[in-house]
C-alpha atoms as a PDB file:
ATOM      1  CA  UNK A   1      -2.443  12.549   5.262  1.00  0.00           C
ATOM      2  CA  UNK A   2      -5.225  11.309   3.796  1.00  0.00           C
ATOM      3  CA  UNK A   3      -6.204   8.100   5.932  1.00  0.00           C
ATOM      4  CA  UNK A   4      -9.346   9.737   6.924  1.00  0.00           C
ATOM      5  CA  UNK A   5      -8.176  11.369  10.691  1.00  0.00           C
ATOM      6  CA  UNK A   6     -10.508  14.072  11.049  1.00  0.00           C
ATOM      7  CA  UNK A   7     -13.510  12.362   9.268  1.00  0.00           C
ATOM      8  CA  UNK A   8     -13.592   9.490  11.240  1.00  0.00           C
ATOM      9  CA  UNK A   9     -12.406  11.238  14.748  1.00  0.00           C
ATOM     10  CA  UNK A  10     -15.943  13.177  14.123  1.00  0.00           C
ATOM     11  CA  UNK A  11     -17.660  10.160  13.735  1.00  0.00           C
ATOM     12  CA  UNK A  12     -16.592   8.446  17.075  1.00  0.00           C
ATOM     13  CA  UNK A  13     -16.645  11.824  19.164  1.00  0.00           C
ATOM     14  CA  UNK A  14     -20.183  12.224  18.038  1.00  0.00           C
ATOM     15  CA  UNK A  15     -20.258   8.133  19.053  1.00  0.00           C
ATOM     16  CA  UNK A  16     -18.322   8.457  22.507  1.00  0.00           C
ATOM     17  CA  UNK A  17     -20.389  11.665  23.007  1.00  0.00           C
ATOM     18  CA  UNK A  18     -16.573  13.491  22.997  1.00  0.00           C
ATOM     19  CA  UNK A  19     -15.246  16.820  21.918  1.00  0.00           C
ATOM     20  CA  UNK A  20     -14.195  17.019  18.733  1.00  0.00           C
ATOM     21  CA  UNK A  21     -10.815  19.070  18.073  1.00  0.00           C
ATOM     22  CA  UNK A  22      -8.469  18.974  14.692  1.00  0.00           C
ATOM     23  CA  UNK A  23      -4.597  20.095  15.065  1.00  0.00           C
ATOM     24  CA  UNK A  24      -4.684  21.111  11.839  1.00  0.00           C
ATOM     25  CA  UNK A  25      -8.010  23.490  11.761  1.00  0.00           C
ATOM     26  CA  UNK A  26      -7.173  24.712  14.817  1.00  0.00           C
ATOM     27  CA  UNK A  27      -4.367  25.893  13.717  1.00  0.00           C
ATOM     28  CA  UNK A  28      -5.574  27.473  11.093  1.00  0.00           C
ATOM     29  CA  UNK A  29      -7.750  29.764  12.856  1.00  0.00           C
ATOM     30  CA  UNK A  30      -5.741  30.264  15.460  1.00  0.00           C
ATOM     31  CA  UNK A  31      -2.928  31.839  13.405  1.00  0.00           C
ATOM     32  CA  UNK A  32      -5.161  33.100  10.052  1.00  0.00           C
ATOM     33  CA  UNK A  33      -3.139  31.074   7.299  1.00  0.00           C
ATOM     34  CA  UNK A  34      -3.401  28.056   5.552  1.00  0.00           C
ATOM     35  CA  UNK A  35      -1.008  25.205   6.832  1.00  0.00           C
ATOM     36  CA  UNK A  36      -0.352  25.579   2.829  1.00  0.00           C
ATOM     37  CA  UNK A  37       0.306  28.998   3.047  1.00  0.00           C
ATOM     38  CA  UNK A  38       1.770  29.041   6.014  1.00  0.00           C
ATOM     39  CA  UNK A  39       4.195  26.142   4.289  1.00  0.00           C
ATOM     40  CA  UNK A  40       5.142  28.423   1.560  1.00  0.00           C
ATOM     41  CA  UNK A  41       5.723  31.723   3.520  1.00  0.00           C
ATOM     42  CA  UNK A  42       7.369  30.215   6.827  1.00  0.00           C
ATOM     43  CA  UNK A  43       8.448  26.415   6.056  1.00  0.00           C
ATOM     44  CA  UNK A  44       7.914  23.246   8.010  1.00  0.00           C
ATOM     45  CA  UNK A  45      10.396  24.062  10.556  1.00  0.00           C
ATOM     46  CA  UNK A  46       8.270  26.852  11.891  1.00  0.00           C
ATOM     47  CA  UNK A  47       5.074  24.714  11.290  1.00  0.00           C
ATOM     48  CA  UNK A  48       6.335  21.915  13.560  1.00  0.00           C
ATOM     49  CA  UNK A  49       6.951  23.860  16.379  1.00  0.00           C
ATOM     50  CA  UNK A  50       3.625  25.753  16.207  1.00  0.00           C
ATOM     51  CA  UNK A  51       1.896  22.677  15.724  1.00  0.00           C
ATOM     52  CA  UNK A  52       4.047  20.927  18.893  1.00  0.00           C
ATOM     53  CA  UNK A  53       1.941  24.375  20.705  1.00  0.00           C
ATOM     54  CA  UNK A  54      -0.997  23.632  19.171  1.00  0.00           C
ATOM     55  CA  UNK A  55      -1.203  20.001  20.559  1.00  0.00           C
ATOM     56  CA  UNK A  56      -0.747  20.571  23.737  1.00  0.00           C
ATOM     57  CA  UNK A  57      -2.944  23.343  24.364  1.00  0.00           C
ATOM     58  CA  UNK A  58      -5.711  21.343  22.915  1.00  0.00           C
ATOM     59  CA  UNK A  59      -4.863  18.681  25.282  1.00  0.00           C
ATOM     60  CA  UNK A  60      -5.388  21.159  28.129  1.00  0.00           C
ATOM     61  CA  UNK A  61      -8.986  22.041  26.687  1.00  0.00           C
ATOM     62  CA  UNK A  62     -10.967  18.668  27.611  1.00  0.00           C
ATOM     63  CA  UNK A  63     -10.750  16.003  29.712  1.00  0.00           C
ATOM     64  CA  UNK A  64     -13.008  13.913  27.085  1.00  0.00           C
ATOM     65  CA  UNK A  65     -11.605  14.478  23.492  1.00  0.00           C
ATOM     66  CA  UNK A  66     -11.160  13.160  20.220  1.00  0.00           C
ATOM     67  CA  UNK A  67      -7.907  15.111  18.783  1.00  0.00           C
ATOM     68  CA  UNK A  68      -6.906  14.459  15.302  1.00  0.00           C
ATOM     69  CA  UNK A  69      -3.543  15.246  14.393  1.00  0.00           C
ATOM     70  CA  UNK A  70      -1.964  16.005  11.396  1.00  0.00           C
ATOM     71  CA  UNK A  71      -0.411  12.972   9.917  1.00  0.00           C
ATOM     72  CA  UNK A  72       3.284  14.533  10.551  1.00  0.00           C
ATOM     73  CA  UNK A  73       2.778  15.386  14.325  1.00  0.00           C
ATOM     74  CA  UNK A  74       3.242  12.247  16.218  1.00  0.00           C
ATOM     75  CA  UNK A  75       7.253  12.202  14.469  1.00  0.00           C
ATOM     76  CA  UNK A  76       8.261  15.744  15.641  1.00  0.00           C
ATOM     77  CA  UNK A  77       9.800  16.608  19.227  1.00  0.00           C
ATOM     78  CA  UNK A  78       7.867  14.465  21.928  1.00  0.00           C
ATOM     79  CA  UNK A  79       4.452  14.560  20.499  1.00  0.00           C
ATOM     80  CA  UNK A  80       3.524  10.428  20.080  1.00  0.00           C
ATOM     81  CA  UNK A  81       4.950  10.076  23.860  1.00  0.00           C
ATOM     82  CA  UNK A  82       3.284  13.218  24.864  1.00  0.00           C
ATOM     83  CA  UNK A  83      -0.030  12.242  23.235  1.00  0.00           C
ATOM     84  CA  UNK A  84       0.152   8.664  24.813  1.00  0.00           C
ATOM     85  CA  UNK A  85       0.685  10.089  28.340  1.00  0.00           C
ATOM     86  CA  UNK A  86      -2.446  12.282  27.823  1.00  0.00           C
ATOM     87  CA  UNK A  87      -4.609   9.749  26.302  1.00  0.00           C
ATOM     88  CA  UNK A  88      -5.138   6.711  23.951  1.00  0.00           C
ATOM     89  CA  UNK A  89      -3.789   6.934  20.850  1.00  0.00           C
ATOM     90  CA  UNK A  90      -5.373   4.781  17.321  1.00  0.00           C
ATOM     91  CA  UNK A  91      -3.076   4.453  14.264  1.00  0.00           C
ATOM     92  CA  UNK A  92      -5.203   4.363  11.265  1.00  0.00           C
ATOM     93  CA  UNK A  93      -3.305   2.105   9.028  1.00  0.00           C
ATOM     94  CA  UNK A  94      -4.082   2.685   5.400  1.00  0.00           C
ATOM     95  CA  UNK A  95      -2.622   0.893   1.973  1.00  0.00           C
ATOM     96  CA  UNK A  96      -0.429   2.863  -0.438  1.00  0.00           C
ATOM     97  CA  UNK A  97      -2.269   2.553  -3.045  1.00  0.00           C
ATOM     98  CA  UNK A  98      -5.475   3.547  -1.138  1.00  0.00           C
ATOM     99  CA  UNK A  99      -3.702   6.709   0.425  1.00  0.00           C
ATOM    100  CA  UNK A 100      -2.585   7.512  -2.909  1.00  0.00           C
ATOM    101  CA  UNK A 101      -6.314   7.161  -4.617  1.00  0.00           C
ATOM    102  CA  UNK A 102      -7.730   9.561  -1.885  1.00  0.00           C
ATOM    103  CA  UNK A 103      -4.671  12.151  -2.223  1.00  0.00           C
ATOM    104  CA  UNK A 104      -5.470  12.514  -6.075  1.00  0.00           C
ATOM    105  CA  UNK A 105      -8.963  12.875  -5.967  1.00  0.00           C
ATOM    106  CA  UNK A 106      -8.698  15.211  -2.414  1.00  0.00           C
ATOM    107  CA  UNK A 107     -10.556  18.540  -2.542  1.00  0.00           C
ATOM    108  CA  UNK A 108      -7.818  19.441   0.314  1.00  0.00           C
ATOM    109  CA  UNK A 109      -4.797  21.126  -0.782  1.00  0.00           C
ATOM    110  CA  UNK A 110      -1.961  19.510   0.632  1.00  0.00           C
ATOM    111  CA  UNK A 111       1.698  20.453   1.658  1.00  0.00           C
ATOM    112  CA  UNK A 112       3.824  18.994  -1.268  1.00  0.00           C
ATOM    113  CA  UNK A 113       1.603  16.846  -2.723  1.00  0.00           C
ATOM    114  CA  UNK A 114      -0.822  18.507  -5.271  1.00  0.00           C
ATOM    115  CA  UNK A 115       1.822  19.210  -8.380  1.00  0.00           C
ATOM    116  CA  UNK A 116       2.829  15.564  -7.670  1.00  0.00           C
ATOM    117  CA  UNK A 117       1.131  12.802 -10.862  1.00  0.00           C
ATOM    118  CA  UNK A 118       0.416   9.455 -10.020  1.00  0.00           C
ATOM    119  CA  UNK A 119       4.514   7.845 -10.423  1.00  0.00           C
ATOM    120  CA  UNK A 120       5.724  10.658  -7.695  1.00  0.00           C
ATOM    121  CA  UNK A 121       2.893  10.744  -5.344  1.00  0.00           C
ATOM    122  CA  UNK A 122       3.189   7.260  -4.982  1.00  0.00           C
ATOM    123  CA  UNK A 123       6.903   7.747  -4.343  1.00  0.00           C
ATOM    124  CA  UNK A 124       6.177   9.842  -1.798  1.00  0.00           C
ATOM    125  CA  UNK A 125       3.755   8.259  -0.254  1.00  0.00           C
ATOM    126  CA  UNK A 126       6.614   5.146   0.433  1.00  0.00           C
ATOM    127  CA  UNK A 127       9.209   7.420   1.194  1.00  0.00           C
ATOM    128  CA  UNK A 128       7.175   9.353   4.008  1.00  0.00           C
ATOM    129  CA  UNK A 129       5.586   6.034   5.205  1.00  0.00           C
ATOM    130  CA  UNK A 130       9.155   5.097   5.479  1.00  0.00           C
ATOM    131  CA  UNK A 131      10.095   7.589   7.889  1.00  0.00           C
ATOM    132  CA  UNK A 132       6.682   7.997   9.490  1.00  0.00           C
ATOM    133  CA  UNK A 133       5.682   4.413  10.282  1.00  0.00           C
ATOM    134  CA  UNK A 134       7.602   4.003  13.196  1.00  0.00           C
ATOM    135  CA  UNK A 135       6.093   6.429  15.112  1.00  0.00           C
ATOM    136  CA  UNK A 136       2.659   5.703  13.686  1.00  0.00           C
ATOM    137  CA  UNK A 137       3.170   1.815  15.152  1.00  0.00           C
ATOM    138  CA  UNK A 138       3.991   3.579  18.702  1.00  0.00           C
ATOM    139  CA  UNK A 139       0.154   4.045  18.981  1.00  0.00           C
ATOM    140  CA  UNK A 140      -2.123   2.049  21.442  1.00  0.00           C
ATOM    141  CA  UNK A 141      -4.074   0.524  19.176  1.00  0.00           C
ATOM    142  CA  UNK A 142      -4.420   0.353  14.890  1.00  0.00           C
ATOM    143  CA  UNK A 143      -7.187   0.533  12.862  1.00  0.00           C
ATOM    144  CA  UNK A 144      -7.387  -0.301   9.096  1.00  0.00           C
ATOM    145  CA  UNK A 145      -8.912   2.805   7.456  1.00  0.00           C
ATOM    146  CA  UNK A 146      -9.658   1.744   4.077  1.00  0.00           C
ATOM    147  CA  UNK A 147     -12.985   0.075   5.889  1.00  0.00           C
ATOM    148  CA  UNK A 148     -12.872   1.754   9.277  1.00  0.00           C
ATOM    149  CA  UNK A 149     -16.212   1.021  11.147  1.00  0.00           C
ATOM    150  CA  UNK A 150     -16.888   3.766  13.982  1.00  0.00           C
ATOM    151  CA  UNK A 151     -19.235   1.524  16.065  1.00  0.00           C
ATOM    152  CA  UNK A 152     -16.465  -1.373  16.195  1.00  0.00           C
ATOM    153  CA  UNK A 153     -13.545   1.507  16.690  1.00  0.00           C
ATOM    154  CA  UNK A 154     -15.435   3.059  19.752  1.00  0.00           C
ATOM    155  CA  UNK A 155     -16.476  -0.458  21.414  1.00  0.00           C
ATOM    156  CA  UNK A 156     -12.548  -1.024  20.549  1.00  0.00           C
ATOM    157  CA  UNK A 157     -11.315   2.241  22.785  1.00  0.00           C
ATOM    158  CA  UNK A 158     -14.225   1.710  25.280  1.00  0.00           C
ATOM    159  CA  UNK A 159     -12.407  -2.229  26.284  1.00  0.00           C
ATOM    160  CA  UNK A 160      -9.313  -0.256  26.078  1.00  0.00           C
ATOM    161  CA  UNK A 161      -9.825   2.335  28.549  1.00  0.00           C
ATOM    162  CA  UNK A 162     -11.784  -0.433  30.694  1.00  0.00           C
ATOM    163  CA  UNK A 163      -8.750  -2.435  30.750  1.00  0.00           C
ATOM    164  CA  UNK A 164      -6.578   0.876  31.408  1.00  0.00           C
ATOM    165  CA  UNK A 165      -8.600   1.293  34.212  1.00  0.00           C
ATOM    166  CA  UNK A 166      -8.641  -2.072  35.593  1.00  0.00           C
ATOM    167  CA  UNK A 167      -4.721  -2.149  35.898  1.00  0.00           C
ATOM    168  CA  UNK A 168      -3.997   1.448  37.932  1.00  0.00           C
ATOM    169  CA  UNK A 169      -0.125   1.230  36.909  1.00  0.00           C
ATOM    170  CA  UNK A 170      -1.457   1.358  33.321  1.00  0.00           C
ATOM    171  CA  UNK A 171      -3.693   4.231  34.152  1.00  0.00           C
ATOM    172  CA  UNK A 172      -1.312   6.907  33.326  1.00  0.00           C
ATOM    173  CA  UNK A 173      -1.314   6.685  30.073  1.00  0.00           C
ATOM    174  CA  UNK A 174      -4.802   7.856  29.852  1.00  0.00           C
ATOM    175  CA  UNK A 175      -4.654  10.717  31.960  1.00  0.00           C
END
């Protein structure tokens, strides 16, 4: 949440000549609910079930695509393993203070954080990351989000794909 997945994902897809999908935007278009409103009306459990379905649907849409997921997506069900089996996963790391500042100044309403003050938000981020980081660290690649250079990231991805293509036993991780 707030790491820049959508912005970086769009730029990366453009650079690679791939399709771009955002699970949150796709969810909102498909179900005609903002994620905030869906959370309020139906709760997180129902959201996570439908989010998993959206992820599976997007993975089937295009061979060459960048898919930006919601921050919690990798942490539920077997989503991270599914993503790793179907492509190259990237974790955009952020310092907690930088995340706090982005979330405080975000125009986008995010479930569970818009009513928090600075101290509460920092505590929320720390607690959330204690749970989520174990999933995020399973990604194929980690990059720093504060100064992510899309050209460098695309070169890193292209090199990683070439490496996988050179070793057939690892190739299934990208198919």
